[in-house]
Amino acid sequence: MQKPNAAPTPRLKNPAMIVPEAMAPLQALGQLLAQGKGDAARALSLAMLRASQINGCALCLAGSCQTLRGLGETEDRLFAVPAWRESTRFTGPERAALALAESMTRLSDRSDPVPDAVWDEAARHFEERELALLVLGIATINLYNRINVTTRQVGEEWDRGAAQDWAAKKSA
């Protein structure tokens, strides 16, 4: 167990670096999710941020905040995401995406993990493809969160070395 004030130390290099065959499918899924536009893309990014908050993945939190800032997101709204239910800063579709993210991330917290009311509200706000991308995005960020939290990936180290490592292995 780490000391409370100790800087995180990775337990393992990013598994996609150790198993390079995993990198291409993970990147392809990320690129697909990044193709979203407008309000649906913003709602997906907020949902992914919320899942990362719940899972405690600092690396994904930083990435989601960077993505949202690129979409023009304000700091006030970013800070309000953990308390989205009590906030008036979010639209109906964003609230539906955040509720779906929480349900999909906390599957074991209730007997009906994704209640019909949560699903129906998301389906009311998103077209079928947008809803499918929302589900894929939330599931994907949960995958990334679980990998990063389990192996204690450090954002600063990933930023500096991951792209270089991946490029070197790809060209080898």
Protein backbone atom coordinates (compact mmCIF):
# COMPACT_ATOMS: atom_id res chain seq x y z
CA MET A 1 0.00 0.00 0.00
CA GLN A 2 1.27 3.46 -0.84
CA LYS A 3 1.80 6.13 1.77
CA PRO A 4 -0.96 8.77 1.62
CA ASN A 5 1.33 11.60 0.51
CA ALA A 6 3.64 9.58 -1.72
CA ALA A 7 3.68 10.22 -5.44
CA PRO A 8 2.13 7.31 -7.35
CA THR A 9 4.56 4.79 -8.73
CA PRO A 10 3.42 2.65 -11.66
CA ARG A 11 3.19 -1.06 -10.92
CA LEU A 12 3.60 -1.96 -14.59
CA LYS A 13 4.12 -0.14 -17.85
CA ASN A 14 0.88 0.53 -19.62
CA PRO A 15 -0.36 -2.94 -20.62
CA ALA A 16 -0.90 -1.79 -24.23
CA MET A 17 2.84 -1.10 -24.38
CA ILE A 18 3.62 -4.60 -23.15
CA VAL A 19 1.02 -6.16 -25.43
CA PRO A 20 1.38 -3.91 -28.48
CA GLU A 21 -1.30 -5.83 -30.40
CA ALA A 22 -3.79 -4.18 -28.04
CA MET A 23 -2.76 -0.64 -28.94
CA ALA A 24 -4.27 -0.45 -32.44
CA PRO A 25 -7.79 -1.57 -31.44
CA LEU A 26 -7.75 0.72 -28.40
CA GLN A 27 -6.63 3.66 -30.51
CA ALA A 28 -9.17 2.86 -33.23
CA LEU A 29 -11.97 2.89 -30.67
CA GLY A 30 -10.68 6.17 -29.24
CA GLN A 31 -10.53 7.70 -32.72
CA LEU A 32 -14.08 6.54 -33.46
CA LEU A 33 -15.35 8.12 -30.25
CA ALA A 34 -13.47 11.35 -31.02
CA GLN A 35 -15.40 11.76 -34.29
CA GLY A 36 -18.51 12.93 -32.44
CA LYS A 37 -19.66 16.48 -33.01
CA GLY A 38 -21.67 19.11 -31.20
CA ASP A 39 -23.87 18.51 -28.20
CA ALA A 40 -23.62 14.71 -28.35
CA ALA A 41 -19.80 14.88 -28.26
CA ARG A 42 -19.92 17.25 -25.29
CA ALA A 43 -22.37 14.98 -23.45
CA LEU A 44 -20.14 11.95 -24.12
CA SER A 45 -17.06 13.79 -22.87
CA LEU A 46 -18.88 14.86 -19.71
CA ALA A 47 -20.03 11.28 -19.15
CA MET A 48 -16.48 10.01 -19.59
CA LEU A 49 -15.22 12.63 -17.13
CA ARG A 50 -17.83 11.53 -14.59
CA ALA A 51 -16.89 7.86 -14.91
CA SER A 52 -13.22 8.74 -14.38
CA GLN A 53 -14.13 10.76 -11.28
CA ILE A 54 -16.02 7.81 -9.84
CA ASN A 55 -13.16 5.42 -10.63
CA GLY A 56 -10.44 7.78 -9.40
CA CYS A 57 -8.39 7.73 -12.60
CA ALA A 58 -6.25 10.87 -12.58
CA LEU A 59 -4.84 10.15 -16.03
CA CYS A 60 -8.29 9.92 -17.64
CA LEU A 61 -9.55 12.91 -15.64
CA ALA A 62 -6.79 15.02 -17.13
CA GLY A 63 -7.53 13.72 -20.63
CA SER A 64 -11.27 14.33 -20.32
CA CYS A 65 -10.76 17.85 -19.00
CA GLN A 66 -8.39 18.58 -21.88
CA THR A 67 -10.93 17.26 -24.39
CA LEU A 68 -13.73 19.27 -22.83
CA ARG A 69 -11.67 22.45 -22.76
CA GLY A 70 -11.03 21.86 -26.48
CA LEU A 71 -14.81 21.80 -26.94
CA GLY A 72 -15.00 25.19 -25.24
CA GLU A 73 -16.02 23.89 -21.83
CA THR A 74 -15.80 26.31 -18.90
CA GLU A 75 -14.02 25.64 -15.63
CA ASP A 76 -17.28 26.33 -13.76
CA ARG A 77 -19.00 23.45 -15.51
CA LEU A 78 -16.01 21.13 -15.14
CA PHE A 79 -15.99 21.79 -11.39
CA ALA A 80 -19.75 21.17 -11.20
CA VAL A 81 -19.68 17.68 -12.77
CA PRO A 82 -19.43 15.78 -9.44
CA ALA A 83 -22.58 17.59 -8.26
CA TRP A 84 -24.41 17.62 -11.58
CA ARG A 85 -27.73 16.63 -9.99
CA GLU A 86 -27.72 19.78 -7.85
CA SER A 87 -26.45 22.03 -10.62
CA THR A 88 -28.44 24.02 -13.16
CA ARG A 89 -25.42 24.22 -15.50
CA PHE A 90 -26.21 21.06 -17.50
CA THR A 91 -28.70 20.46 -20.31
CA GLY A 92 -31.21 17.63 -20.40
CA PRO A 93 -29.07 15.50 -22.74
CA GLU A 94 -25.97 16.11 -20.62
CA ARG A 95 -27.85 15.13 -17.46
CA ALA A 96 -29.09 11.96 -19.17
CA ALA A 97 -25.52 11.10 -20.26
CA LEU A 98 -24.18 11.74 -16.76
CA ALA A 99 -26.86 9.52 -15.20
CA LEU A 100 -26.10 6.76 -17.69
CA ALA A 101 -22.37 7.08 -16.96
CA GLU A 102 -22.98 6.71 -13.24
CA SER A 103 -25.22 3.67 -13.72
CA MET A 104 -22.85 1.96 -16.15
CA THR A 105 -19.85 2.67 -13.92
CA ARG A 106 -21.48 1.50 -10.68
CA LEU A 107 -23.01 -1.72 -11.97
CA SER A 108 -22.82 -3.60 -8.68
CA ASP A 109 -24.30 -0.81 -6.55
CA ARG A 110 -27.92 -1.79 -7.15
CA SER A 111 -30.00 -4.78 -8.19
CA ASP A 112 -31.09 -3.00 -11.39
CA PRO A 113 -27.75 -1.54 -12.51
CA VAL A 114 -29.10 0.58 -15.36
CA PRO A 115 -32.74 1.28 -14.52
CA ASP A 116 -35.23 1.72 -17.34
CA ALA A 117 -35.80 5.33 -16.28
CA VAL A 118 -32.08 6.12 -16.80
CA TRP A 119 -31.99 4.30 -20.12
CA ASP A 120 -35.26 5.79 -21.37
CA GLU A 121 -34.10 9.32 -20.53
CA ALA A 122 -30.86 8.80 -22.47
CA ALA A 123 -32.77 7.26 -25.39
CA ARG A 124 -35.13 10.26 -25.38
CA HIS A 125 -32.24 12.68 -25.90
CA PHE A 126 -29.99 10.79 -28.31
CA GLU A 127 -30.49 9.22 -31.71
CA GLU A 128 -29.65 5.53 -31.94
CA ARG A 129 -26.08 6.00 -33.21
CA GLU A 130 -25.38 8.74 -30.65
CA LEU A 131 -26.73 6.49 -27.89
CA ALA A 132 -24.60 3.60 -29.13
CA LEU A 133 -21.51 5.84 -29.12
CA LEU A 134 -22.41 7.02 -25.63
CA VAL A 135 -22.58 3.43 -24.36
CA LEU A 136 -19.33 2.53 -26.14
CA GLY A 137 -17.62 5.65 -24.79
CA ILE A 138 -18.67 5.04 -21.19
CA ALA A 139 -17.63 1.39 -21.44
CA THR A 140 -14.30 2.37 -23.01
CA ILE A 141 -13.43 4.94 -20.37
CA ASN A 142 -14.27 2.39 -17.69
CA LEU A 143 -11.81 0.00 -19.38
CA TYR A 144 -9.12 2.70 -19.46
CA ASN A 145 -9.87 3.65 -15.83
CA ARG A 146 -9.53 0.07 -14.67
CA ILE A 147 -6.26 -0.44 -16.51
CA ASN A 148 -4.78 2.83 -15.28
CA VAL A 149 -5.93 2.59 -11.68
CA THR A 150 -4.90 -1.07 -11.34
CA THR A 151 -1.42 -0.48 -12.75
CA ARG A 152 -1.10 3.02 -11.21
CA GLN A 153 -0.38 4.78 -14.47
CA VAL A 154 1.03 8.25 -13.90
CA GLY A 155 -0.24 10.89 -16.30
CA GLU A 156 3.00 12.81 -16.54
CA GLU A 157 4.98 9.68 -17.39
CA TRP A 158 2.40 8.55 -19.94
CA ASP A 159 2.46 11.94 -21.64
CA ARG A 160 6.26 11.95 -21.90
CA GLY A 161 6.95 8.39 -22.88
CA ALA A 162 3.95 6.54 -24.22
CA ALA A 163 3.84 7.98 -27.70
CA GLN A 164 7.58 7.52 -28.15
CA ASP A 165 7.46 3.92 -26.90
CA TRP A 166 4.53 3.04 -29.12
CA ALA A 167 6.13 4.64 -32.19
CA ALA A 168 9.41 2.78 -31.56
CA LYS A 169 7.63 -0.59 -31.26
CA LYS A 170 5.51 0.08 -34.34
CA SER A 171 8.56 0.85 -36.48
CA ALA A 172 10.56 -2.13 -35.15
